[in-house]
């Protein structure tokens, strides 16, 4: 059960949001709508992901608070519009958790995480309207890599999957060959997309989050390239004027320093 302090602090947050949205509250908060807050919600989600990638527990606490603020604020806006209230939000997710875990709150067996996923897909299938695809529930607003990962996980639960990682790698080799052989611009983009989609499948097989992996690669590139620029300033060099071999040498130096 949540501690008394947890309940009190949550109630305090709800009261604060209500005060900010009051007629004599904060002008900025009062003018916000579900739509105007979309970019803020997305930004807060990415900031949570950054702290998770960095393993930064101290900042994670703060970022989770910022995300919780968005949830409470959206619920308050909905309550003012007569759509629903925060109690309904909490009740619905609690009911959903119970429904999704019949192996805990019911009698359906599940000995491992894989069986839990299979059971969950069956539960969703039972509630799905006739003619509705199991992929329709994947948010189209997801980043492309995250979307690919989600749809591949879903179809794998019903057995539409390679038998092992080796089959995915063979498919990747095939897609790369097709990319090298194509000369049509439209087909080039098509084949490149197939390569990315297959790479996501390989990442799933290796239990790697491709979105997180790419974010980390982006950050590594940023750090190393920034170090190259710094070295050039220290040596009185101009990066654009260096040969490719000299730039490669700076890149390797930046990599070595990062690993030391």
Protein backbone atom coordinates (compact mmCIF):
# COMPACT_ATOMS: atom_id res chain seq x y z
CA UNK A 1 0.00 0.00 0.00
CA UNK A 2 1.23 3.55 -0.66
CA UNK A 3 2.51 5.37 2.40
CA UNK A 4 0.51 8.16 3.98
CA UNK A 5 3.14 10.63 2.79
CA UNK A 6 2.77 9.39 -0.81
CA UNK A 7 -1.00 9.91 -0.68
CA UNK A 8 -0.59 13.33 0.90
CA UNK A 9 1.96 14.51 -1.66
CA UNK A 10 -0.17 13.26 -4.55
CA UNK A 11 -3.20 15.10 -3.14
CA UNK A 12 -1.03 18.20 -2.77
CA UNK A 13 -0.03 18.03 -6.44
CA UNK A 14 -3.66 17.67 -7.52
CA UNK A 15 -4.62 20.66 -5.37
CA UNK A 16 -1.77 22.74 -6.82
CA UNK A 17 -2.90 22.05 -10.40
CA UNK A 18 -6.47 22.93 -9.48
CA UNK A 19 -5.24 26.20 -7.98
CA UNK A 20 -3.20 27.05 -11.09
CA UNK A 21 -6.22 26.39 -13.34
CA UNK A 22 -8.59 28.44 -11.16
CA UNK A 23 -10.06 31.71 -12.52
CA UNK A 24 -7.54 33.68 -10.44
CA UNK A 25 -4.73 31.20 -11.11
CA UNK A 26 -1.74 31.27 -13.44
CA UNK A 27 -2.53 32.86 -16.85
CA UNK A 28 -0.23 30.40 -18.65
CA UNK A 29 -1.67 27.28 -17.01
CA UNK A 30 -5.26 28.50 -17.46
CA UNK A 31 -4.90 28.87 -21.24
CA UNK A 32 -3.46 25.39 -21.81
CA UNK A 33 -5.45 22.72 -23.67
CA UNK A 34 -4.85 19.08 -24.53
CA UNK A 35 -3.50 20.18 -27.89
CA UNK A 36 -1.25 22.96 -26.63
CA UNK A 37 0.36 20.57 -24.15
CA UNK A 38 1.21 17.88 -26.72
CA UNK A 39 4.74 19.12 -27.36
CA UNK A 40 5.39 19.46 -23.63
CA UNK A 41 4.18 15.91 -22.98
CA UNK A 42 6.40 14.56 -25.75
CA UNK A 43 9.39 16.55 -24.51
CA UNK A 44 8.95 15.27 -20.96
CA UNK A 45 8.77 11.68 -22.23
CA UNK A 46 12.06 12.08 -24.07
CA UNK A 47 13.71 13.67 -21.05
CA UNK A 48 12.68 10.66 -18.96
CA UNK A 49 14.21 8.39 -21.63
CA UNK A 50 17.46 10.36 -21.53
CA UNK A 51 17.84 9.90 -17.79
CA UNK A 52 17.03 6.20 -18.14
CA UNK A 53 19.69 5.82 -20.84
CA UNK A 54 22.20 7.62 -18.63
CA UNK A 55 21.31 5.57 -15.53
CA UNK A 56 20.83 8.89 -13.72
CA UNK A 57 18.56 8.08 -10.77
CA UNK A 58 18.76 11.58 -9.25
CA UNK A 59 17.55 13.36 -12.39
CA UNK A 60 15.13 10.53 -13.17
CA UNK A 61 13.23 11.43 -10.01
CA UNK A 62 12.76 14.99 -11.22
CA UNK A 63 11.87 14.01 -14.78
CA UNK A 64 9.24 11.53 -13.58
CA UNK A 65 7.76 14.37 -11.56
CA UNK A 66 7.59 16.54 -14.68
CA UNK A 67 5.86 13.71 -16.53
CA UNK A 68 3.41 13.17 -13.68
CA UNK A 69 2.61 16.89 -13.80
CA UNK A 70 1.54 16.47 -17.43
CA UNK A 71 -0.77 13.58 -16.54
CA UNK A 72 -2.44 15.47 -13.70
CA UNK A 73 -2.76 18.62 -15.80
CA UNK A 74 -4.41 16.77 -18.70
CA UNK A 75 -6.80 15.09 -16.25
CA UNK A 76 -7.71 18.46 -14.76
CA UNK A 77 -8.40 19.96 -18.20
CA UNK A 78 -10.61 16.97 -19.02
CA UNK A 79 -12.51 17.33 -15.73
CA UNK A 80 -13.18 21.00 -16.42
CA UNK A 81 -14.58 20.03 -19.84
CA UNK A 82 -16.82 17.37 -18.30
CA UNK A 83 -14.96 14.56 -20.10
CA UNK A 84 -13.55 12.56 -17.18
CA UNK A 85 -11.66 13.10 -13.93
CA UNK A 86 -8.41 11.87 -12.38
CA UNK A 87 -10.21 9.25 -10.28
CA UNK A 88 -11.55 7.65 -13.47
CA UNK A 89 -8.05 7.67 -15.00
CA UNK A 90 -6.62 5.87 -11.97
CA UNK A 91 -9.55 3.45 -11.72
CA UNK A 92 -9.31 2.53 -15.39
CA UNK A 93 -5.57 1.79 -15.33
CA UNK A 94 -5.97 -0.23 -12.11
CA UNK A 95 -8.76 -2.28 -13.71
CA UNK A 96 -6.64 -2.73 -16.81
CA UNK A 97 -3.69 -4.00 -14.76
CA UNK A 98 -5.90 -6.61 -13.09
CA UNK A 99 -7.34 -7.66 -16.46
CA UNK A 100 -3.87 -7.94 -18.00
CA UNK A 101 -2.57 -10.18 -15.20
CA UNK A 102 -4.95 -13.14 -14.95
CA UNK A 103 -1.97 -15.25 -13.85
CA UNK A 104 -1.82 -13.07 -10.70
CA UNK A 105 -5.44 -12.08 -10.13
CA UNK A 106 -7.09 -15.04 -11.85
CA UNK A 107 -6.46 -18.66 -12.75
CA UNK A 108 -4.65 -18.43 -16.12
CA UNK A 109 -1.19 -20.05 -15.85
CA UNK A 110 1.99 -18.25 -16.96
CA UNK A 111 5.39 -19.62 -16.01
CA UNK A 112 7.54 -17.05 -17.84
CA UNK A 113 7.49 -13.62 -19.48
CA UNK A 114 6.93 -15.11 -22.94
CA UNK A 115 3.76 -16.87 -21.84
CA UNK A 116 2.55 -13.65 -20.20
CA UNK A 117 2.97 -11.86 -23.55
CA UNK A 118 1.08 -14.62 -25.39
CA UNK A 119 -1.75 -14.49 -22.84
CA UNK A 120 -1.91 -10.73 -23.13
CA UNK A 121 -2.24 -10.87 -26.90
CA UNK A 122 -5.10 -13.34 -26.54
CA UNK A 123 -6.83 -11.03 -24.06
CA UNK A 124 -6.58 -8.15 -26.51
CA UNK A 125 -7.82 -10.36 -29.35
CA UNK A 126 -10.87 -11.30 -27.30
CA UNK A 127 -11.78 -7.62 -26.82
CA UNK A 128 -10.98 -6.54 -30.39
CA UNK A 129 -13.89 -5.74 -32.66
CA UNK A 130 -14.30 -8.01 -35.72
CA UNK A 131 -12.22 -6.78 -38.65
CA UNK A 132 -9.90 -4.67 -36.48
CA UNK A 133 -6.20 -5.43 -36.99
CA UNK A 134 -4.04 -6.28 -33.99
CA UNK A 135 -1.69 -3.55 -35.26
CA UNK A 136 -4.32 -0.80 -35.09
CA UNK A 137 -3.50 -0.12 -31.46
CA UNK A 138 0.10 0.88 -32.18
CA UNK A 139 0.28 4.70 -31.97
CA UNK A 140 1.13 6.11 -35.39
CA UNK A 141 2.87 9.07 -33.70
CA UNK A 142 5.65 6.83 -32.37
CA UNK A 143 9.15 7.39 -33.75
CA UNK A 144 9.70 5.06 -36.70
CA UNK A 145 12.12 2.72 -34.91
CA UNK A 146 9.85 2.41 -31.87
CA UNK A 147 6.86 1.78 -34.13
CA UNK A 148 8.72 -0.99 -35.97
CA UNK A 149 9.72 -2.61 -32.70
CA UNK A 150 6.17 -2.53 -31.36
CA UNK A 151 4.52 -4.04 -34.44
CA UNK A 152 7.18 -6.75 -34.68
CA UNK A 153 6.67 -7.70 -31.04
CA UNK A 154 2.92 -7.95 -31.60
CA UNK A 155 3.06 -10.19 -34.65
CA UNK A 156 5.71 -12.36 -32.98
CA UNK A 157 3.18 -13.16 -30.23
CA UNK A 158 1.01 -14.93 -32.80
CA UNK A 159 3.95 -16.80 -34.32
CA UNK A 160 4.72 -14.56 -37.32
CA UNK A 161 8.45 -14.51 -36.77
CA UNK A 162 11.76 -16.05 -37.81
CA UNK A 163 12.87 -19.14 -35.92
CA UNK A 164 16.06 -17.51 -34.74
CA UNK A 165 18.48 -14.61 -35.07
CA UNK A 166 20.31 -16.36 -37.93
CA UNK A 167 17.23 -16.05 -40.14
CA UNK A 168 17.04 -12.32 -39.42
CA UNK A 169 20.73 -11.86 -40.31
CA UNK A 170 20.24 -13.78 -43.57
CA UNK A 171 17.31 -11.48 -44.37
CA UNK A 172 19.47 -8.45 -43.59
CA UNK A 173 22.17 -9.66 -46.00
CA UNK A 174 19.49 -10.17 -48.66
CA UNK A 175 18.12 -6.63 -48.14
CA UNK A 176 21.60 -5.08 -48.35
CA UNK A 177 22.23 -6.93 -51.63
CA UNK A 178 18.94 -5.65 -53.04
CA UNK A 179 19.86 -2.11 -51.98
CA UNK A 180 23.20 -2.32 -53.79
CA UNK A 181 21.56 -3.64 -56.94
CA UNK A 182 18.78 -1.05 -57.24
CA UNK A 183 19.18 2.11 -59.32
CA UNK A 184 15.66 3.47 -59.10
CA UNK A 185 15.33 6.31 -56.56
CA UNK A 186 11.94 5.18 -55.27
CA UNK A 187 13.13 1.58 -54.92
CA UNK A 188 16.28 2.80 -53.17
CA UNK A 189 14.21 4.38 -50.42
CA UNK A 190 12.05 1.27 -50.26
CA UNK A 191 15.03 -1.06 -49.86
CA UNK A 192 16.65 1.20 -47.29
CA UNK A 193 13.45 1.07 -45.26
CA UNK A 194 13.49 -2.73 -45.45
CA UNK A 195 17.05 -2.72 -44.07
CA UNK A 196 16.04 -0.54 -41.13
CA UNK A 197 12.99 -2.68 -40.45
CA UNK A 198 15.14 -5.84 -40.47
CA UNK A 199 17.73 -4.22 -38.20
CA UNK A 200 14.96 -3.49 -35.70
CA UNK A 201 14.00 -7.17 -35.86
CA UNK A 202 17.61 -8.13 -35.13
CA UNK A 203 17.68 -5.70 -32.21
CA UNK A 204 14.50 -7.24 -30.82
CA UNK A 205 16.06 -10.68 -31.04
CA UNK A 206 19.13 -9.45 -29.17
CA UNK A 207 16.94 -7.66 -26.59
CA UNK A 208 18.30 -4.26 -27.65
CA UNK A 209 16.04 -1.20 -27.78
CA UNK A 210 16.88 0.26 -31.22
CA UNK A 211 15.56 3.71 -30.31
CA UNK A 212 17.76 3.85 -27.20
CA UNK A 213 20.73 2.39 -29.08
CA UNK A 214 20.47 5.06 -31.78
CA UNK A 215 20.11 7.84 -29.19
CA UNK A 216 23.27 6.60 -27.50
CA UNK A 217 25.10 6.43 -30.84
CA UNK A 218 24.00 10.00 -31.57
CA UNK A 219 25.37 11.16 -28.22
CA UNK A 220 28.68 9.35 -28.79
CA UNK A 221 29.02 10.99 -32.20
CA UNK A 222 28.25 14.40 -30.69
CA UNK A 223 30.89 13.97 -27.94
CA UNK A 224 33.58 12.72 -30.32
CA UNK A 225 32.99 15.32 -33.01
CA UNK A 226 32.91 18.10 -30.39
CA UNK A 227 36.26 16.81 -29.12
CA UNK A 228 37.64 16.95 -32.68
CA UNK A 229 36.63 20.60 -32.88
CA UNK A 230 38.23 21.24 -29.50
CA UNK A 231 41.51 19.63 -30.57
CA UNK A 232 41.54 21.79 -33.68
CA UNK A 233 41.12 24.92 -31.57
CA UNK A 234 43.93 23.79 -29.26
CA UNK A 235 46.28 23.24 -32.22
CA UNK A 236 45.23 26.27 -34.20
CA UNK A 237 43.79 24.12 -36.99
CA UNK A 238 40.71 24.64 -39.15
CA UNK A 239 38.70 21.44 -39.39
CA UNK A 240 37.26 22.06 -42.91
CA UNK A 241 40.80 22.50 -44.29
CA UNK A 242 42.11 19.15 -43.01
CA UNK A 243 42.40 16.14 -45.28
CA UNK A 244 40.10 13.17 -44.73
CA UNK A 245 43.06 11.21 -43.32
CA UNK A 246 43.76 13.98 -40.80
CA UNK A 247 40.09 14.13 -39.79
CA UNK A 248 40.04 10.36 -39.35
CA UNK A 249 43.10 10.63 -37.09
CA UNK A 250 41.34 13.22 -34.94
CA UNK A 251 38.26 11.01 -34.77
CA UNK A 252 40.34 8.05 -33.59
CA UNK A 253 42.02 10.23 -30.98
CA UNK A 254 38.63 11.37 -29.68
CA UNK A 255 37.49 7.74 -29.48
CA UNK A 256 40.63 6.71 -27.55
CA UNK A 257 40.24 9.56 -25.08
CA UNK A 258 36.59 8.67 -24.50
CA UNK A 259 37.50 5.06 -23.68
CA UNK A 260 40.45 5.92 -21.41
